[in-house]
Amino acid sequence: MAIIDEVASKIPEWQSRQISISPLSGGLTNSNFKIEVDGAPYFVRVPGASTELLAIDRANEYHNTKAASEAGVAPKIFYHLPEYNVMVIEFLDGKTMSKDSLNAPGMPTRMAQAIKRLHAGPRFLLDFNMFRLTEYYLSLCRDRDIKIPDGYLDRMPTIERIEKAMNVNPLPTVPCNNDLLAENYIDDGRQLWLIDYEYGGNNDPTFELGNTCQEMQFSNSQISEVCAAYFGEATPSMIARMKLNMIMSDVGWGLWAAIQAKISTIDFDFWSMAIERWGRAVEKMDSAEFEGWLRDVQS
């Protein structure tokens, strides 16, 4: 019996009811399904192979999803089956967003408003730090002989400079999703919902903002719009924090993609993703603005 069928059979309230299971597209780590029970829809995600190597803690994910739901930005959890690392979640009647749809006028402000609502909600279970996650991913690549982009290790001193500069005036941590790519936004016409808390953790809010701006490949004006909508104004120091975290987003998730290229069974070109992300990070580290961001973030 497939895991998704087994999960459906384990829920007492669903016994002797009409059940329909349909796979959903998308997802770079897991398999997603829509389950209809007597016509009522639910969302279920089955974890992919070896996802524990990617530093995903399923107990942390459950806690964070529940907290984000209490904040009003994530769907409700109806059932939790820890033996399968599966949650049965409210099926949102809305549009899964894309990079193009989130680049529409006004969307950066809506994104910032949804993020601010999440950040004002209950604390998450664990903390998240992309510098530490990058160290872990590098050690995993070394131990398992996983190929990484050329020149990666040569840039580690620059990564250390970024962390040192950002630690001069650290911001209080808040509960963050930390992985707000386009498909993790759902628009129901009234609000933007934020989904998928595999990497959720208490973190610097400007990582969240910078990471999602990098995922959308926002322009400078769009980045400023996000910053102003979140903080009330777009100051040089906060823009600099976001810009440096945009670099760290690609540094860390680029390694994630390199690991996925080795371990994932999903039909996706993860190595090309790793190369693309590392190239964007290097471009920013080599830019004329980089030293200015380091100065501004310390002011």
Protein backbone atom coordinates (compact mmCIF):
# COMPACT_ATOMS: atom_id res chain seq x y z
CA MET A 1 0.00 0.00 0.00
CA ALA A 2 1.33 3.45 -0.91
CA ILE A 3 2.03 5.72 2.04
CA ILE A 4 -0.70 8.18 1.05
CA ASP A 5 -3.29 5.34 0.95
CA GLU A 6 -2.06 4.06 4.29
CA VAL A 7 -2.32 7.53 5.83
CA ALA A 8 -5.91 7.91 4.61
CA SER A 9 -6.82 4.52 6.10
CA LYS A 10 -5.47 5.51 9.54
CA ILE A 11 -7.89 8.38 10.18
CA PRO A 12 -10.90 7.01 12.13
CA GLU A 13 -13.29 9.76 11.00
CA TRP A 14 -12.68 8.78 7.37
CA GLN A 15 -13.65 5.13 7.76
CA SER A 16 -16.50 3.97 5.51
CA ARG A 17 -16.50 7.28 3.66
CA GLN A 18 -15.93 8.04 -0.01
CA ILE A 19 -12.26 8.92 -0.46
CA SER A 20 -10.56 10.24 -3.59
CA ILE A 21 -6.80 10.89 -3.75
CA SER A 22 -5.21 13.06 -6.45
CA PRO A 23 -1.50 13.94 -6.79
CA LEU A 24 -0.67 17.65 -7.03
CA SER A 25 2.13 19.11 -9.10
CA GLY A 26 4.95 21.14 -7.60
CA GLY A 27 7.15 20.50 -4.61
CA LEU A 28 10.93 20.09 -4.79
CA THR A 29 11.28 17.97 -1.67
CA ASN A 30 8.03 16.08 -1.08
CA SER A 31 4.98 14.60 -2.82
CA ASN A 32 1.74 16.57 -2.51
CA PHE A 33 -1.82 15.25 -2.62
CA LYS A 34 -5.40 16.46 -2.53
CA ILE A 35 -7.68 14.08 -0.64
CA GLU A 36 -11.45 14.47 -0.95
CA VAL A 37 -13.54 12.84 1.77
CA ASP A 38 -17.22 12.81 0.82
CA GLY A 39 -16.33 15.80 -1.36
CA ALA A 40 -14.55 17.78 1.36
CA PRO A 41 -10.97 18.62 0.28
CA TYR A 42 -7.80 18.24 2.37
CA PHE A 43 -4.12 18.77 1.60
CA VAL A 44 -1.52 16.11 2.49
CA ARG A 45 2.20 16.12 1.84
CA VAL A 46 4.33 12.97 2.04
CA PRO A 47 8.02 13.67 2.85
CA GLY A 48 10.56 12.83 0.18
CA ALA A 49 13.46 10.43 0.53
CA SER A 50 16.33 11.33 2.91
CA THR A 51 14.89 14.76 3.72
CA GLU A 52 16.42 14.52 7.21
CA LEU A 53 19.78 15.15 5.55
CA LEU A 54 18.48 18.58 4.50
CA ALA A 55 18.15 19.57 8.20
CA ILE A 56 14.36 19.21 8.25
CA ASP A 57 12.96 18.49 11.71
CA ARG A 58 9.37 17.26 11.36
CA ALA A 59 8.45 17.98 15.00
CA ASN A 60 9.67 21.54 14.45
CA GLU A 61 7.65 21.76 11.23
CA TYR A 62 4.46 20.64 13.02
CA HIS A 63 4.92 23.14 15.86
CA ASN A 64 5.64 25.97 13.43
CA THR A 65 2.73 25.19 11.12
CA LYS A 66 0.40 25.22 14.11
CA ALA A 67 1.85 28.53 15.35
CA ALA A 68 1.57 30.12 11.88
CA SER A 69 -2.04 28.96 11.71
CA GLU A 70 -2.69 30.67 15.04
CA ALA A 71 -1.16 33.83 13.56
CA GLY A 72 -3.76 33.64 10.77
CA VAL A 73 -1.38 33.20 7.85
CA ALA A 74 -1.21 29.39 7.49
CA PRO A 75 -3.94 26.79 6.98
CA LYS A 76 -5.30 24.74 9.88
CA ILE A 77 -3.99 21.29 10.78
CA PHE A 78 -6.81 18.73 11.04
CA TYR A 79 -4.78 15.59 11.73
CA HIS A 80 -1.18 14.85 12.62
CA LEU A 81 0.31 11.42 12.00
CA PRO A 82 3.85 11.63 13.41
CA GLU A 83 4.62 8.00 12.57
CA TYR A 84 4.45 9.02 8.89
CA ASN A 85 5.67 12.61 9.41
CA VAL A 86 2.41 13.67 7.77
CA MET A 87 -0.07 16.44 8.49
CA VAL A 88 -3.58 16.61 7.02
CA ILE A 89 -4.12 20.30 6.41
CA GLU A 90 -6.92 22.62 5.36
CA PHE A 91 -7.13 22.84 1.58
CA LEU A 92 -6.95 26.51 0.64
CA ASP A 93 -9.27 27.69 -2.10
CA GLY A 94 -6.90 30.08 -3.78
CA LYS A 95 -4.28 30.63 -6.45
CA THR A 96 -0.79 29.23 -5.98
CA MET A 97 1.42 32.17 -6.82
CA SER A 98 4.29 32.35 -9.30
CA LYS A 99 7.26 34.63 -9.68
CA ASP A 100 5.42 36.53 -12.41
CA SER A 101 2.21 36.99 -10.38
CA LEU A 102 4.16 38.23 -7.35
CA ASN A 103 5.96 40.77 -9.52
CA ALA A 104 2.64 42.48 -10.29
CA PRO A 105 2.13 46.05 -8.99
CA GLY A 106 1.26 46.17 -5.29
CA MET A 107 2.30 42.58 -4.60
CA PRO A 108 5.55 43.44 -2.75
CA THR A 109 3.48 45.40 -0.21
CA ARG A 110 0.97 42.55 0.20
CA MET A 111 3.82 40.10 0.69
CA ALA A 112 5.42 42.29 3.36
CA GLN A 113 2.09 42.64 5.17
CA ALA A 114 1.56 38.87 5.28
CA ILE A 115 5.13 38.33 6.46
CA LYS A 116 4.75 40.95 9.19
CA ARG A 117 1.63 39.17 10.42
CA LEU A 118 3.54 35.88 10.64
CA HIS A 119 6.43 37.57 12.46
CA ALA A 120 4.03 39.01 15.05
CA GLY A 121 2.64 35.56 15.84
CA PRO A 122 3.66 32.88 18.35
CA ARG A 123 7.34 31.97 18.58
CA PHE A 124 8.51 28.92 16.67
CA LEU A 125 10.08 25.86 18.28
CA LEU A 126 13.67 26.19 17.04
CA ASP A 127 15.92 28.94 15.72
CA PHE A 128 17.12 29.25 12.12
CA ASN A 129 20.47 30.71 11.05
CA MET A 130 21.58 30.46 7.43
CA PHE A 131 25.24 30.84 8.36
CA ARG A 132 25.04 27.74 10.58
CA LEU A 133 22.94 25.85 8.03
CA THR A 134 25.52 26.62 5.36
CA GLU A 135 28.25 25.16 7.61
CA TYR A 136 26.16 22.02 8.10
CA TYR A 137 25.47 21.64 4.38
CA LEU A 138 29.19 22.08 3.61
CA SER A 139 30.14 19.39 6.13
CA LEU A 140 27.54 17.06 4.60
CA CYS A 141 28.92 17.68 1.12
CA ARG A 142 32.43 16.97 2.36
CA ASP A 143 31.48 13.81 4.25
CA ARG A 144 29.40 12.36 1.41
CA ASP A 145 31.59 13.56 -1.45
CA ILE A 146 28.82 15.73 -2.90
CA LYS A 147 29.88 18.04 -5.72
CA ILE A 148 29.59 21.77 -4.98
CA PRO A 149 29.95 24.76 -7.35
CA ASP A 150 33.49 25.79 -8.29
CA GLY A 151 35.06 28.43 -6.07
CA TYR A 152 32.62 27.93 -3.23
CA LEU A 153 35.14 27.34 -0.46
CA ASP A 154 37.26 30.27 -1.67
CA ARG A 155 34.39 32.61 -0.80
CA MET A 156 34.01 31.51 2.81
CA PRO A 157 36.08 34.45 4.15
CA THR A 158 33.60 36.80 2.44
CA ILE A 159 30.69 34.95 4.07
CA GLU A 160 32.42 35.44 7.43
CA ARG A 161 32.68 39.18 6.72
CA ILE A 162 28.95 39.32 6.02
CA GLU A 163 28.10 37.61 9.30
CA LYS A 164 30.50 39.80 11.29
CA ALA A 165 29.02 42.98 9.80
CA MET A 166 25.43 41.90 10.43
CA ASN A 167 26.22 41.00 14.04
CA VAL A 168 27.25 44.58 14.88
CA ASN A 169 23.60 45.65 15.24
CA PRO A 170 21.59 42.42 15.35
CA LEU A 171 17.80 42.50 15.15
CA PRO A 172 15.57 40.56 17.58
CA THR A 173 14.55 37.25 16.06
CA VAL A 174 10.96 36.55 15.05
CA PRO A 175 9.13 33.44 13.80
CA CYS A 176 10.07 33.12 10.12
CA ASN A 177 9.13 30.74 7.31
CA ASN A 178 12.66 31.18 5.84
CA ASP A 179 11.69 29.61 2.50
CA LEU A 180 9.15 31.93 0.89
CA LEU A 181 9.59 31.05 -2.74
CA ALA A 182 6.70 32.00 -5.01
CA GLU A 183 4.81 28.72 -4.68
CA ASN A 184 4.67 29.09 -0.89
CA TYR A 185 2.26 32.02 -1.29
CA ILE A 186 -1.43 31.34 -1.94
CA ASP A 187 -3.82 34.18 -2.77
CA ASP A 188 -7.50 33.60 -1.95
CA GLY A 189 -8.48 37.07 -3.15
CA ARG A 190 -8.61 38.46 0.36
CA GLN A 191 -5.17 37.66 1.79
CA LEU A 192 -1.89 35.99 1.00
CA TRP A 193 -1.40 32.71 2.87
CA LEU A 194 2.10 31.48 3.67
CA ILE A 195 2.63 27.71 3.53
CA ASP A 196 5.36 25.08 4.07
CA TYR A 197 7.24 25.47 7.36
CA GLU A 198 9.90 22.79 6.87
CA TYR A 199 12.60 25.40 7.44
CA GLY A 200 10.60 27.56 9.85
CA GLY A 201 12.48 29.00 12.80
CA ASN A 202 13.05 32.15 14.81
CA ASN A 203 15.34 34.33 12.72
CA ASP A 204 16.39 37.83 11.73
CA PRO A 205 13.33 39.26 9.91
CA THR A 206 15.52 40.68 7.15
CA PHE A 207 16.53 37.17 6.13
CA GLU A 208 12.87 36.43 5.46
CA LEU A 209 12.48 39.67 3.51
CA GLY A 210 15.74 39.32 1.61
CA ASN A 211 15.18 35.65 0.84
CA THR A 212 11.74 36.22 -0.68
CA CYS A 213 12.96 39.26 -2.64
CA GLN A 214 15.76 37.11 -4.06
CA GLU A 215 13.32 34.33 -4.97
CA MET A 216 11.20 36.85 -6.91
CA GLN A 217 14.28 38.56 -8.40
CA PHE A 218 12.83 41.89 -7.30
CA SER A 219 14.21 45.16 -8.59
CA ASN A 220 15.70 47.76 -6.25
CA SER A 221 12.41 49.66 -6.20
CA GLN A 222 10.48 46.51 -5.31
CA ILE A 223 12.99 45.70 -2.55
CA SER A 224 12.50 49.21 -1.16
CA GLU A 225 8.72 48.72 -1.34
CA VAL A 226 8.96 45.53 0.73
CA CYS A 227 11.26 47.23 3.25
CA ALA A 228 9.00 50.28 3.62
CA ALA A 229 5.84 48.19 3.92
CA TYR A 230 7.43 46.09 6.67
CA PHE A 231 9.44 48.65 8.67
CA GLY A 232 7.57 51.85 7.82
CA GLU A 233 10.49 53.25 5.84
CA ALA A 234 13.29 51.95 3.66
CA THR A 235 16.47 52.95 5.51
CA PRO A 236 19.95 52.28 4.08
CA SER A 237 20.80 49.97 6.99
CA MET A 238 17.70 47.78 6.52
CA ILE A 239 18.10 47.69 2.75
CA ALA A 240 21.70 46.60 3.32
CA ARG A 241 20.58 43.83 5.70
CA MET A 242 18.13 42.61 3.08
CA LYS A 243 20.75 42.76 0.31
CA LEU A 244 23.30 40.78 2.33
CA ASN A 245 20.64 38.23 3.23
CA MET A 246 19.78 37.93 -0.45
CA ILE A 247 23.35 36.76 -0.91
CA MET A 248 23.07 34.32 1.99
CA SER A 249 19.80 32.99 0.59
CA ASP A 250 21.55 31.91 -2.60
CA VAL A 251 24.66 30.74 -0.74
CA GLY A 252 22.66 28.37 1.49
CA TRP A 253 19.93 27.24 -0.86
CA GLY A 254 22.51 26.74 -3.61
CA LEU A 255 24.17 24.11 -1.41
CA TRP A 256 20.73 22.65 -0.68
CA ALA A 257 20.24 22.21 -4.42
CA ALA A 258 23.66 20.56 -4.78
CA ILE A 259 22.71 18.05 -2.07
CA GLN A 260 19.33 17.43 -3.70
CA ALA A 261 21.12 16.74 -6.99
CA LYS A 262 22.77 13.81 -5.21
CA ILE A 263 19.96 12.43 -3.03
CA SER A 264 16.59 13.42 -4.52
CA THR A 265 14.40 11.03 -6.51
CA ILE A 266 12.34 13.93 -7.90
CA ASP A 267 12.72 14.59 -11.64
CA PHE A 268 14.25 18.06 -11.47
CA ASP A 269 17.59 19.57 -12.54
CA PHE A 270 18.86 20.52 -9.09
CA TRP A 271 22.46 20.95 -10.23
CA SER A 272 21.47 23.74 -12.64
CA MET A 273 19.66 25.39 -9.73
CA ALA A 274 22.81 25.15 -7.62
CA ILE A 275 24.93 26.74 -10.35
CA GLU A 276 22.39 29.52 -10.97
CA ARG A 277 22.11 30.43 -7.29
CA TRP A 278 25.85 30.39 -6.70
CA GLY A 279 26.37 32.57 -9.77
CA ARG A 280 23.90 35.15 -8.42
CA ALA A 281 25.61 35.16 -5.01
CA VAL A 282 29.05 35.66 -6.57
CA GLU A 283 27.73 38.47 -8.76
CA LYS A 284 26.49 40.35 -5.69
CA MET A 285 29.68 39.71 -3.69
CA ASP A 286 31.71 41.08 -6.61
CA SER A 287 29.43 44.09 -7.17
CA ALA A 288 30.48 47.69 -6.60
CA GLU A 289 27.73 48.01 -3.97
CA PHE A 290 28.91 45.15 -1.74
CA GLU A 291 31.34 47.13 0.46
CA GLY A 292 28.68 49.79 0.91
CA TRP A 293 26.19 47.20 2.17
CA LEU A 294 28.76 46.02 4.71
CA ARG A 295 29.20 49.62 5.92
CA ASP A 296 25.51 50.48 5.97
CA VAL A 297 24.47 47.37 7.88
CA GLN A 298 26.79 48.42 10.74
CA SER A 299 25.49 52.00 10.95
